[in-house]
Amino acid sequence: MKSYYFILLSIFLFTFTYTVPASAYEYSLSVRTTYMQGCFLEDPPDFSNQSKVYLKMKRCLCMMDNFEERYSEKQFIDLFNHEDKMYSWQKRELDEFVKKSIKSCL
């Protein structure tokens, strides 16, 4: 059952990768896919409710767009590579950015 949603997520991501307006930075497909998988599966929606699945994908895509507006691909990868370190500047930067950006994606 989960493989079905992985395929659905991949198709959805692939579709939006080529239809979203150009951002300040354009991340590679592998970075976008990895982010979307992590975002979508971090707190998975109820898969029996299609509208919740759609809203979760929409929020993840919105945050991805926000990241692409602000950070280069290298900066983006650096932020997530060190997010687990409690007092790192990357964790503070990431937390602050998400707090500001999430409002526009709700």
PDB file of N, CA and C in Angstrom:
ATOM      1  N   MET A   1       0.819  -1.189   0.000  1.00  0.00           N
ATOM      2  CA  MET A   1       0.000   0.000   0.000  1.00  0.00           C
ATOM      3  C   MET A   1       0.868   1.261   0.000  1.00  0.00           C
ATOM      4  N   LYS A   2       1.940   1.279   0.820  1.00  0.00           N
ATOM      5  CA  LYS A   2       2.801   2.453   0.873  1.00  0.00           C
ATOM      6  C   LYS A   2       3.526   2.676  -0.445  1.00  0.00           C
ATOM      7  N   SER A   3       3.846   1.600  -1.172  1.00  0.00           N
ATOM      8  CA  SER A   3       4.526   1.766  -2.453  1.00  0.00           C
ATOM      9  C   SER A   3       3.624   2.499  -3.444  1.00  0.00           C
ATOM     10  N   TYR A   4       2.329   2.292  -3.345  1.00  0.00           N
ATOM     11  CA  TYR A   4       1.382   3.006  -4.193  1.00  0.00           C
ATOM     12  C   TYR A   4       1.489   4.514  -3.945  1.00  0.00           C
ATOM     13  N   TYR A   5       1.555   4.909  -2.683  1.00  0.00           N
ATOM     14  CA  TYR A   5       1.652   6.332  -2.362  1.00  0.00           C
ATOM     15  C   TYR A   5       3.022   6.899  -2.709  1.00  0.00           C
ATOM     16  N   PHE A   6       4.047   6.086  -2.639  1.00  0.00           N
ATOM     17  CA  PHE A   6       5.380   6.537  -3.059  1.00  0.00           C
ATOM     18  C   PHE A   6       5.367   6.843  -4.554  1.00  0.00           C
ATOM     19  N   ILE A   7       4.722   5.983  -5.331  1.00  0.00           N
ATOM     20  CA  ILE A   7       4.612   6.201  -6.776  1.00  0.00           C
ATOM     21  C   ILE A   7       3.775   7.450  -7.036  1.00  0.00           C
ATOM     22  N   LEU A   8       2.678   7.599  -6.314  1.00  0.00           N
ATOM     23  CA  LEU A   8       1.827   8.776  -6.457  1.00  0.00           C
ATOM     24  C   LEU A   8       2.613  10.041  -6.117  1.00  0.00           C
ATOM     25  N   LEU A   9       3.367  10.008  -5.035  1.00  0.00           N
ATOM     26  CA  LEU A   9       4.186  11.156  -4.630  1.00  0.00           C
ATOM     27  C   LEU A   9       5.233  11.470  -5.696  1.00  0.00           C
ATOM     28  N   SER A  10       5.864  10.447  -6.239  1.00  0.00           N
ATOM     29  CA  SER A  10       6.880  10.654  -7.272  1.00  0.00           C
ATOM     30  C   SER A  10       6.284  11.300  -8.516  1.00  0.00           C
ATOM     31  N   ILE A  11       5.128  10.827  -8.936  1.00  0.00           N
ATOM     32  CA  ILE A  11       4.463  11.397 -10.110  1.00  0.00           C
ATOM     33  C   ILE A  11       4.050  12.835  -9.830  1.00  0.00           C
ATOM     34  N   PHE A  12       3.505  13.068  -8.649  1.00  0.00           N
ATOM     35  CA  PHE A  12       3.076  14.405  -8.266  1.00  0.00           C
ATOM     36  C   PHE A  12       4.262  15.361  -8.252  1.00  0.00           C
ATOM     37  N   LEU A  13       5.357  14.934  -7.662  1.00  0.00           N
ATOM     38  CA  LEU A  13       6.567  15.758  -7.600  1.00  0.00           C
ATOM     39  C   LEU A  13       7.111  16.018  -8.998  1.00  0.00           C
ATOM     40  N   PHE A  14       7.184  14.981  -9.820  1.00  0.00           N
ATOM     41  CA  PHE A  14       7.697  15.126 -11.180  1.00  0.00           C
ATOM     42  C   PHE A  14       6.860  16.129 -11.964  1.00  0.00           C
ATOM     43  N   THR A  15       5.546  16.058 -11.802  1.00  0.00           N
ATOM     44  CA  THR A  15       4.652  16.970 -12.497  1.00  0.00           C
ATOM     45  C   THR A  15       4.908  18.402 -12.068  1.00  0.00           C
ATOM     46  N   PHE A  16       5.007  18.639 -10.761  1.00  0.00           N
ATOM     47  CA  PHE A  16       5.203  19.995 -10.265  1.00  0.00           C
ATOM     48  C   PHE A  16       6.612  20.499 -10.506  1.00  0.00           C
ATOM     49  N   THR A  17       7.560  19.622 -10.654  1.00  0.00           N
ATOM     50  CA  THR A  17       8.929  20.037 -10.919  1.00  0.00           C
ATOM     51  C   THR A  17       9.000  20.805 -12.227  1.00  0.00           C
ATOM     52  N   TYR A  18       8.191  20.433 -13.172  1.00  0.00           N
ATOM     53  CA  TYR A  18       8.251  21.065 -14.480  1.00  0.00           C
ATOM     54  C   TYR A  18       7.129  22.066 -14.737  1.00  0.00           C
ATOM     55  N   THR A  19       6.268  22.296 -13.722  1.00  0.00           N
ATOM     56  CA  THR A  19       5.185  23.241 -13.939  1.00  0.00           C
ATOM     57  C   THR A  19       5.230  24.441 -13.003  1.00  0.00           C
ATOM     58  N   VAL A  20       6.034  24.396 -11.951  1.00  0.00           N
ATOM     59  CA  VAL A  20       6.092  25.524 -11.039  1.00  0.00           C
ATOM     60  C   VAL A  20       6.854  26.673 -11.679  1.00  0.00           C
ATOM     61  N   PRO A  21       6.507  27.904 -11.313  1.00  0.00           N
ATOM     62  CA  PRO A  21       7.243  29.035 -11.874  1.00  0.00           C
ATOM     63  C   PRO A  21       8.691  29.026 -11.414  1.00  0.00           C
ATOM     64  N   ALA A  22       9.548  29.621 -12.184  1.00  0.00           N
ATOM     65  CA  ALA A  22      10.973  29.644 -11.859  1.00  0.00           C
ATOM     66  C   ALA A  22      11.197  30.391 -10.555  1.00  0.00           C
ATOM     67  N   SER A  23      12.051  29.844  -9.705  1.00  0.00           N
ATOM     68  CA  SER A  23      12.402  30.449  -8.437  1.00  0.00           C
ATOM     69  C   SER A  23      13.761  31.107  -8.570  1.00  0.00           C
ATOM     70  N   ALA A  24      14.195  31.709  -7.490  1.00  0.00           N
ATOM     71  CA  ALA A  24      15.521  32.318  -7.488  1.00  0.00           C
ATOM     72  C   ALA A  24      16.583  31.254  -7.733  1.00  0.00           C
ATOM     73  N   TYR A  25      16.378  30.082  -7.144  1.00  0.00           N
ATOM     74  CA  TYR A  25      17.286  28.949  -7.319  1.00  0.00           C
ATOM     75  C   TYR A  25      16.472  27.764  -7.807  1.00  0.00           C
ATOM     76  N   GLU A  26      17.099  26.909  -8.557  1.00  0.00           N
ATOM     77  CA  GLU A  26      16.435  25.703  -9.067  1.00  0.00           C
ATOM     78  C   GLU A  26      17.203  24.495  -8.541  1.00  0.00           C
ATOM     79  N   TYR A  27      16.583  23.712  -7.670  1.00  0.00           N
ATOM     80  CA  TYR A  27      17.243  22.535  -7.101  1.00  0.00           C
ATOM     81  C   TYR A  27      17.160  21.360  -8.076  1.00  0.00           C
ATOM     82  N   SER A  28      18.102  20.464  -7.942  1.00  0.00           N
ATOM     83  CA  SER A  28      18.099  19.269  -8.787  1.00  0.00           C
ATOM     84  C   SER A  28      16.920  18.376  -8.408  1.00  0.00           C
ATOM     85  N   LEU A  29      16.544  17.526  -9.321  1.00  0.00           N
ATOM     86  CA  LEU A  29      15.418  16.623  -9.090  1.00  0.00           C
ATOM     87  C   LEU A  29      15.678  15.708  -7.900  1.00  0.00           C
ATOM     88  N   SER A  30      16.913  15.252  -7.721  1.00  0.00           N
ATOM     89  CA  SER A  30      17.207  14.362  -6.597  1.00  0.00           C
ATOM     90  C   SER A  30      17.040  15.081  -5.261  1.00  0.00           C
ATOM     91  N   VAL A  31      17.437  16.341  -5.175  1.00  0.00           N
ATOM     92  CA  VAL A  31      17.275  17.107  -3.935  1.00  0.00           C
ATOM     93  C   VAL A  31      15.800  17.359  -3.676  1.00  0.00           C
ATOM     94  N   ARG A  32      15.067  17.721  -4.708  1.00  0.00           N
ATOM     95  CA  ARG A  32      13.624  17.957  -4.549  1.00  0.00           C
ATOM     96  C   ARG A  32      12.906  16.678  -4.111  1.00  0.00           C
ATOM     97  N   THR A  33      13.259  15.566  -4.730  1.00  0.00           N
ATOM     98  CA  THR A  33      12.613  14.297  -4.399  1.00  0.00           C
ATOM     99  C   THR A  33      12.907  13.890  -2.958  1.00  0.00           C
ATOM    100  N   THR A  34      14.161  14.017  -2.545  1.00  0.00           N
ATOM    101  CA  THR A  34      14.540  13.667  -1.178  1.00  0.00           C
ATOM    102  C   THR A  34      13.796  14.537  -0.173  1.00  0.00           C
ATOM    103  N   TYR A  35      13.733  15.837  -0.438  1.00  0.00           N
ATOM    104  CA  TYR A  35      13.013  16.740   0.465  1.00  0.00           C
ATOM    105  C   TYR A  35      11.540  16.360   0.542  1.00  0.00           C
ATOM    106  N   MET A  36      10.915  16.146  -0.606  1.00  0.00           N
ATOM    107  CA  MET A  36       9.487  15.839  -0.628  1.00  0.00           C
ATOM    108  C   MET A  36       9.177  14.537   0.107  1.00  0.00           C
ATOM    109  N   GLN A  37      10.022  13.533  -0.068  1.00  0.00           N
ATOM    110  CA  GLN A  37       9.803  12.273   0.643  1.00  0.00           C
ATOM    111  C   GLN A  37       9.887  12.493   2.148  1.00  0.00           C
ATOM    112  N   GLY A  38      10.908  13.239   2.576  1.00  0.00           N
ATOM    113  CA  GLY A  38      11.067  13.510   4.006  1.00  0.00           C
ATOM    114  C   GLY A  38       9.924  14.336   4.552  1.00  0.00           C
ATOM    115  N   CYS A  39       9.543  15.363   3.837  1.00  0.00           N
ATOM    116  CA  CYS A  39       8.456  16.237   4.276  1.00  0.00           C
ATOM    117  C   CYS A  39       7.137  15.469   4.346  1.00  0.00           C
ATOM    118  N   PHE A  40       6.850  14.720   3.312  1.00  0.00           N
ATOM    119  CA  PHE A  40       5.574  14.014   3.237  1.00  0.00           C
ATOM    120  C   PHE A  40       5.478  12.891   4.263  1.00  0.00           C
ATOM    121  N   LEU A  41       6.564  12.183   4.474  1.00  0.00           N
ATOM    122  CA  LEU A  41       6.513  11.019   5.361  1.00  0.00           C
ATOM    123  C   LEU A  41       6.882  11.332   6.803  1.00  0.00           C
ATOM    124  N   GLU A  42       7.349  12.554   7.074  1.00  0.00           N
ATOM    125  CA  GLU A  42       7.697  12.940   8.447  1.00  0.00           C
ATOM    126  C   GLU A  42       6.478  12.828   9.362  1.00  0.00           C
ATOM    127  N   ASP A  43       5.373  13.331   8.912  1.00  0.00           N
ATOM    128  CA  ASP A  43       4.109  13.255   9.645  1.00  0.00           C
ATOM    129  C   ASP A  43       3.047  12.890   8.614  1.00  0.00           C
ATOM    130  N   PRO A  44       3.001  11.615   8.213  1.00  0.00           N
ATOM    131  CA  PRO A  44       2.132  11.221   7.096  1.00  0.00           C
ATOM    132  C   PRO A  44       0.657  11.464   7.381  1.00  0.00           C
ATOM    133  N   PRO A  45      -0.062  11.910   6.364  1.00  0.00           N
ATOM    134  CA  PRO A  45      -1.509  12.120   6.523  1.00  0.00           C
ATOM    135  C   PRO A  45      -2.241  10.783   6.519  1.00  0.00           C
ATOM    136  N   ASP A  46      -3.506  10.833   6.820  1.00  0.00           N
ATOM    137  CA  ASP A  46      -4.365   9.654   6.739  1.00  0.00           C
ATOM    138  C   ASP A  46      -4.540   9.317   5.255  1.00  0.00           C
ATOM    139  N   PHE A  47      -3.939   8.205   4.822  1.00  0.00           N
ATOM    140  CA  PHE A  47      -3.945   7.865   3.408  1.00  0.00           C
ATOM    141  C   PHE A  47      -5.321   7.500   2.867  1.00  0.00           C
ATOM    142  N   SER A  48      -6.268   7.258   3.749  1.00  0.00           N
ATOM    143  CA  SER A  48      -7.618   6.952   3.274  1.00  0.00           C
ATOM    144  C   SER A  48      -8.396   8.230   2.953  1.00  0.00           C
ATOM    145  N   ASN A  49      -7.848   9.377   3.327  1.00  0.00           N
ATOM    146  CA  ASN A  49      -8.498  10.656   3.070  1.00  0.00           C
ATOM    147  C   ASN A  49      -7.704  11.408   2.001  1.00  0.00           C
ATOM    148  N   GLN A  50      -8.209  11.395   0.777  1.00  0.00           N
ATOM    149  CA  GLN A  50      -7.480  11.985  -0.346  1.00  0.00           C
ATOM    150  C   GLN A  50      -7.243  13.478  -0.185  1.00  0.00           C
ATOM    151  N   SER A  51      -8.170  14.180   0.417  1.00  0.00           N
ATOM    152  CA  SER A  51      -7.989  15.626   0.572  1.00  0.00           C
ATOM    153  C   SER A  51      -6.848  15.930   1.546  1.00  0.00           C
ATOM    154  N   LYS A  52      -6.675  15.105   2.573  1.00  0.00           N
ATOM    155  CA  LYS A  52      -5.552  15.306   3.502  1.00  0.00           C
ATOM    156  C   LYS A  52      -4.216  14.991   2.831  1.00  0.00           C
ATOM    157  N   VAL A  53      -4.205  13.981   1.992  1.00  0.00           N
ATOM    158  CA  VAL A  53      -2.985  13.645   1.250  1.00  0.00           C
ATOM    159  C   VAL A  53      -2.634  14.801   0.319  1.00  0.00           C
ATOM    160  N   TYR A  54      -3.625  15.331  -0.381  1.00  0.00           N
ATOM    161  CA  TYR A  54      -3.404  16.444  -1.294  1.00  0.00           C
ATOM    162  C   TYR A  54      -2.896  17.679  -0.542  1.00  0.00           C
ATOM    163  N   LEU A  55      -3.514  18.000   0.591  1.00  0.00           N
ATOM    164  CA  LEU A  55      -3.093  19.171   1.367  1.00  0.00           C
ATOM    165  C   LEU A  55      -1.663  19.025   1.882  1.00  0.00           C
ATOM    166  N   LYS A  56      -1.307  17.820   2.308  1.00  0.00           N
ATOM    167  CA  LYS A  56       0.061  17.596   2.779  1.00  0.00           C
ATOM    168  C   LYS A  56       1.059  17.805   1.636  1.00  0.00           C
ATOM    169  N   MET A  57       0.760  17.255   0.465  1.00  0.00           N
ATOM    170  CA  MET A  57       1.638  17.448  -0.695  1.00  0.00           C
ATOM    171  C   MET A  57       1.733  18.924  -1.068  1.00  0.00           C
ATOM    172  N   LYS A  58       0.616  19.611  -1.014  1.00  0.00           N
ATOM    173  CA  LYS A  58       0.590  21.031  -1.350  1.00  0.00           C
ATOM    174  C   LYS A  58       1.459  21.831  -0.379  1.00  0.00           C
ATOM    175  N   ARG A  59       1.370  21.526   0.919  1.00  0.00           N
ATOM    176  CA  ARG A  59       2.195  22.230   1.909  1.00  0.00           C
ATOM    177  C   ARG A  59       3.681  21.947   1.697  1.00  0.00           C
ATOM    178  N   CYS A  60       4.009  20.696   1.418  1.00  0.00           N
ATOM    179  CA  CYS A  60       5.412  20.338   1.187  1.00  0.00           C
ATOM    180  C   CYS A  60       5.954  21.063  -0.048  1.00  0.00           C
ATOM    181  N   LEU A  61       5.164  21.114  -1.109  1.00  0.00           N
ATOM    182  CA  LEU A  61       5.593  21.820  -2.320  1.00  0.00           C
ATOM    183  C   LEU A  61       5.744  23.319  -2.070  1.00  0.00           C
ATOM    184  N   CYS A  62       4.856  23.867  -1.295  1.00  0.00           N
ATOM    185  CA  CYS A  62       4.928  25.284  -0.964  1.00  0.00           C
ATOM    186  C   CYS A  62       6.217  25.587  -0.191  1.00  0.00           C
ATOM    187  N   MET A  63       6.545  24.757   0.786  1.00  0.00           N
ATOM    188  CA  MET A  63       7.784  24.962   1.544  1.00  0.00           C
ATOM    189  C   MET A  63       9.002  24.783   0.642  1.00  0.00           C
ATOM    190  N   MET A  64       8.944  23.815  -0.265  1.00  0.00           N
ATOM    191  CA  MET A  64      10.047  23.617  -1.209  1.00  0.00           C
ATOM    192  C   MET A  64      10.247  24.886  -2.037  1.00  0.00           C
ATOM    193  N   ASP A  65       9.166  25.466  -2.508  1.00  0.00           N
ATOM    194  CA  ASP A  65       9.255  26.719  -3.270  1.00  0.00           C
ATOM    195  C   ASP A  65       9.854  27.838  -2.427  1.00  0.00           C
ATOM    196  N   ASN A  66       9.458  27.911  -1.160  1.00  0.00           N
ATOM    197  CA  ASN A  66      10.010  28.932  -0.270  1.00  0.00           C
ATOM    198  C   ASN A  66      11.515  28.748  -0.081  1.00  0.00           C
ATOM    199  N   PHE A  67      11.941  27.505   0.078  1.00  0.00           N
ATOM    200  CA  PHE A  67      13.376  27.243   0.207  1.00  0.00           C
ATOM    201  C   PHE A  67      14.115  27.666  -1.059  1.00  0.00           C
ATOM    202  N   GLU A  68      13.546  27.352  -2.213  1.00  0.00           N
ATOM    203  CA  GLU A  68      14.190  27.705  -3.480  1.00  0.00           C
ATOM    204  C   GLU A  68      14.262  29.218  -3.696  1.00  0.00           C
ATOM    205  N   GLU A  69      13.339  29.939  -3.107  1.00  0.00           N
ATOM    206  CA  GLU A  69      13.378  31.400  -3.209  1.00  0.00           C
ATOM    207  C   GLU A  69      14.523  31.985  -2.377  1.00  0.00           C
ATOM    208  N   ARG A  70      14.854  31.326  -1.281  1.00  0.00           N
ATOM    209  CA  ARG A  70      15.793  31.901  -0.316  1.00  0.00           C
ATOM    210  C   ARG A  70      17.205  31.325  -0.373  1.00  0.00           C
ATOM    211  N   TYR A  71      17.327  30.009  -0.589  1.00  0.00           N
ATOM    212  CA  TYR A  71      18.624  29.337  -0.446  1.00  0.00           C
ATOM    213  C   TYR A  71      19.077  28.670  -1.746  1.00  0.00           C
ATOM    214  N   SER A  72      20.364  28.739  -1.999  1.00  0.00           N
ATOM    215  CA  SER A  72      20.927  27.970  -3.108  1.00  0.00           C
ATOM    216  C   SER A  72      20.845  26.487  -2.727  1.00  0.00           C
ATOM    217  N   GLU A  73      21.073  25.621  -3.686  1.00  0.00           N
ATOM    218  CA  GLU A  73      21.010  24.181  -3.397  1.00  0.00           C
ATOM    219  C   GLU A  73      22.054  23.794  -2.351  1.00  0.00           C
ATOM    220  N   LYS A  74      23.246  24.339  -2.451  1.00  0.00           N
ATOM    221  CA  LYS A  74      24.304  24.026  -1.473  1.00  0.00           C
ATOM    222  C   LYS A  74      23.916  24.507  -0.077  1.00  0.00           C
ATOM    223  N   GLN A  75      23.386  25.721   0.029  1.00  0.00           N
ATOM    224  CA  GLN A  75      22.951  26.234   1.325  1.00  0.00           C
ATOM    225  C   GLN A  75      21.832  25.375   1.907  1.00  0.00           C
ATOM    226  N   PHE A  76      20.918  24.969   1.047  1.00  0.00           N
ATOM    227  CA  PHE A  76      19.800  24.137   1.468  1.00  0.00           C
ATOM    228  C   PHE A  76      20.297  22.803   2.029  1.00  0.00           C
ATOM    229  N   ILE A  77      21.213  22.173   1.327  1.00  0.00           N
ATOM    230  CA  ILE A  77      21.768  20.891   1.780  1.00  0.00           C
ATOM    231  C   ILE A  77      22.519  21.084   3.088  1.00  0.00           C
ATOM    232  N   ASP A  78      23.285  22.163   3.206  1.00  0.00           N
ATOM    233  CA  ASP A  78      24.011  22.437   4.456  1.00  0.00           C
ATOM    234  C   ASP A  78      23.065  22.617   5.631  1.00  0.00           C
ATOM    235  N   LEU A  79      21.945  23.288   5.404  1.00  0.00           N
ATOM    236  CA  LEU A  79      20.975  23.469   6.490  1.00  0.00           C
ATOM    237  C   LEU A  79      20.476  22.128   7.017  1.00  0.00           C
ATOM    238  N   PHE A  80      20.139  21.234   6.117  1.00  0.00           N
ATOM    239  CA  PHE A  80      19.577  19.959   6.537  1.00  0.00           C
ATOM    240  C   PHE A  80      20.634  18.956   6.989  1.00  0.00           C
ATOM    241  N   ASN A  81      21.862  19.131   6.584  1.00  0.00           N
ATOM    242  CA  ASN A  81      22.924  18.229   7.030  1.00  0.00           C
ATOM    243  C   ASN A  81      23.261  18.421   8.503  1.00  0.00           C
ATOM    244  N   HIS A  82      22.961  19.585   9.049  1.00  0.00           N
ATOM    245  CA  HIS A  82      23.337  19.870  10.427  1.00  0.00           C
ATOM    246  C   HIS A  82      22.147  20.197  11.316  1.00  0.00           C
ATOM    247  N   GLU A  83      20.943  19.882  10.874  1.00  0.00           N
ATOM    248  CA  GLU A  83      19.771  20.239  11.657  1.00  0.00           C
ATOM    249  C   GLU A  83      19.658  19.461  12.963  1.00  0.00           C
ATOM    250  N   ASP A  84      20.336  18.330  13.071  1.00  0.00           N
ATOM    251  CA  ASP A  84      20.244  17.513  14.279  1.00  0.00           C
ATOM    252  C   ASP A  84      21.143  18.010  15.402  1.00  0.00           C
ATOM    253  N   LYS A  85      22.049  18.921  15.119  1.00  0.00           N
ATOM    254  CA  LYS A  85      22.926  19.466  16.149  1.00  0.00           C
ATOM    255  C   LYS A  85      22.174  20.570  16.879  1.00  0.00           C
ATOM    256  N   MET A  86      22.012  20.375  18.166  1.00  0.00           N
ATOM    257  CA  MET A  86      21.134  21.207  18.975  1.00  0.00           C
ATOM    258  C   MET A  86      21.410  22.712  18.874  1.00  0.00           C
ATOM    259  N   TYR A  87      22.647  23.110  18.904  1.00  0.00           N
ATOM    260  CA  TYR A  87      22.954  24.537  18.965  1.00  0.00           C
ATOM    261  C   TYR A  87      23.654  25.060  17.722  1.00  0.00           C
ATOM    262  N   SER A  88      23.564  24.364  16.639  1.00  0.00           N
ATOM    263  CA  SER A  88      24.240  24.814  15.428  1.00  0.00           C
ATOM    264  C   SER A  88      23.516  26.016  14.827  1.00  0.00           C
ATOM    265  N   TRP A  89      24.249  26.842  14.109  1.00  0.00           N
ATOM    266  CA  TRP A  89      23.627  27.984  13.444  1.00  0.00           C
ATOM    267  C   TRP A  89      22.652  27.499  12.380  1.00  0.00           C
ATOM    268  N   GLN A  90      22.923  26.325  11.792  1.00  0.00           N
ATOM    269  CA  GLN A  90      22.028  25.794  10.776  1.00  0.00           C
ATOM    270  C   GLN A  90      20.654  25.468  11.367  1.00  0.00           C
ATOM    271  N   LYS A  91      20.668  24.879  12.557  1.00  0.00           N
ATOM    272  CA  LYS A  91      19.399  24.540  13.203  1.00  0.00           C
ATOM    273  C   LYS A  91      18.601  25.802  13.516  1.00  0.00           C
ATOM    274  N   ARG A  92      19.268  26.809  14.029  1.00  0.00           N
ATOM    275  CA  ARG A  92      18.583  28.073  14.338  1.00  0.00           C
ATOM    276  C   ARG A  92      18.038  28.721  13.069  1.00  0.00           C
ATOM    277  N   GLU A  93      18.861  28.736  12.037  1.00  0.00           N
ATOM    278  CA  GLU A  93      18.450  29.324  10.752  1.00  0.00           C
ATOM    279  C   GLU A  93      17.250  28.573  10.178  1.00  0.00           C
ATOM    280  N   LEU A  94      17.324  27.253  10.185  1.00  0.00           N
ATOM    281  CA  LEU A  94      16.245  26.423   9.649  1.00  0.00           C
ATOM    282  C   LEU A  94      14.963  26.620  10.446  1.00  0.00           C
ATOM    283  N   ASP A  95      15.067  26.597  11.767  1.00  0.00           N
ATOM    284  CA  ASP A  95      13.883  26.784  12.613  1.00  0.00           C
ATOM    285  C   ASP A  95      13.223  28.133  12.365  1.00  0.00           C
ATOM    286  N   GLU A  96      14.031  29.165  12.269  1.00  0.00           N
ATOM    287  CA  GLU A  96      13.501  30.504  12.040  1.00  0.00           C
ATOM    288  C   GLU A  96      12.841  30.631  10.666  1.00  0.00           C
ATOM    289  N   PHE A  97      13.500  30.075   9.654  1.00  0.00           N
ATOM    290  CA  PHE A  97      12.953  30.134   8.297  1.00  0.00           C
ATOM    291  C   PHE A  97      11.626  29.396   8.210  1.00  0.00           C
ATOM    292  N   VAL A  98      11.560  28.207   8.779  1.00  0.00           N
ATOM    293  CA  VAL A  98      10.326  27.410   8.733  1.00  0.00           C
ATOM    294  C   VAL A  98       9.212  28.137   9.472  1.00  0.00           C
ATOM    295  N   LYS A  99       9.533  28.704  10.612  1.00  0.00           N
ATOM    296  CA  LYS A  99       8.525  29.421  11.397  1.00  0.00           C
ATOM    297  C   LYS A  99       7.925  30.584  10.602  1.00  0.00           C
ATOM    298  N   LYS A 100       8.767  31.312   9.870  1.00  0.00           N
ATOM    299  CA  LYS A 100       8.288  32.435   9.061  1.00  0.00           C
ATOM    300  C   LYS A 100       7.544  31.975   7.808  1.00  0.00           C
ATOM    301  N   SER A 101       8.024  30.917   7.188  1.00  0.00           N
ATOM    302  CA  SER A 101       7.495  30.490   5.886  1.00  0.00           C
ATOM    303  C   SER A 101       6.261  29.623   5.961  1.00  0.00           C
ATOM    304  N   ILE A 102       6.093  28.899   7.046  1.00  0.00           N
ATOM    305  CA  ILE A 102       4.993  27.937   7.125  1.00  0.00           C
ATOM    306  C   ILE A 102       3.632  28.649   7.053  1.00  0.00           C
ATOM    307  N   LYS A 103       3.565  29.874   7.526  1.00  0.00           N
ATOM    308  CA  LYS A 103       2.300  30.606   7.511  1.00  0.00           C
ATOM    309  C   LYS A 103       1.767  30.786   6.095  1.00  0.00           C
ATOM    310  N   SER A 104       2.657  31.005   5.154  1.00  0.00           N
ATOM    311  CA  SER A 104       2.213  31.203   3.774  1.00  0.00           C
ATOM    312  C   SER A 104       1.768  29.899   3.106  1.00  0.00           C
ATOM    313  N   CYS A 105       2.061  28.776   3.745  1.00  0.00           N
ATOM    314  CA  CYS A 105       1.732  27.471   3.152  1.00  0.00           C
ATOM    315  C   CYS A 105       0.527  26.796   3.795  1.00  0.00           C
ATOM    316  N   LEU A 106      -0.089  27.435   4.763  1.00  0.00           N
ATOM    317  CA  LEU A 106      -1.235  26.816   5.438  1.00  0.00           C
ATOM    318  C   LEU A 106      -2.525  27.061   4.726  1.00  0.00           C
TER     319      LEU A 106
END
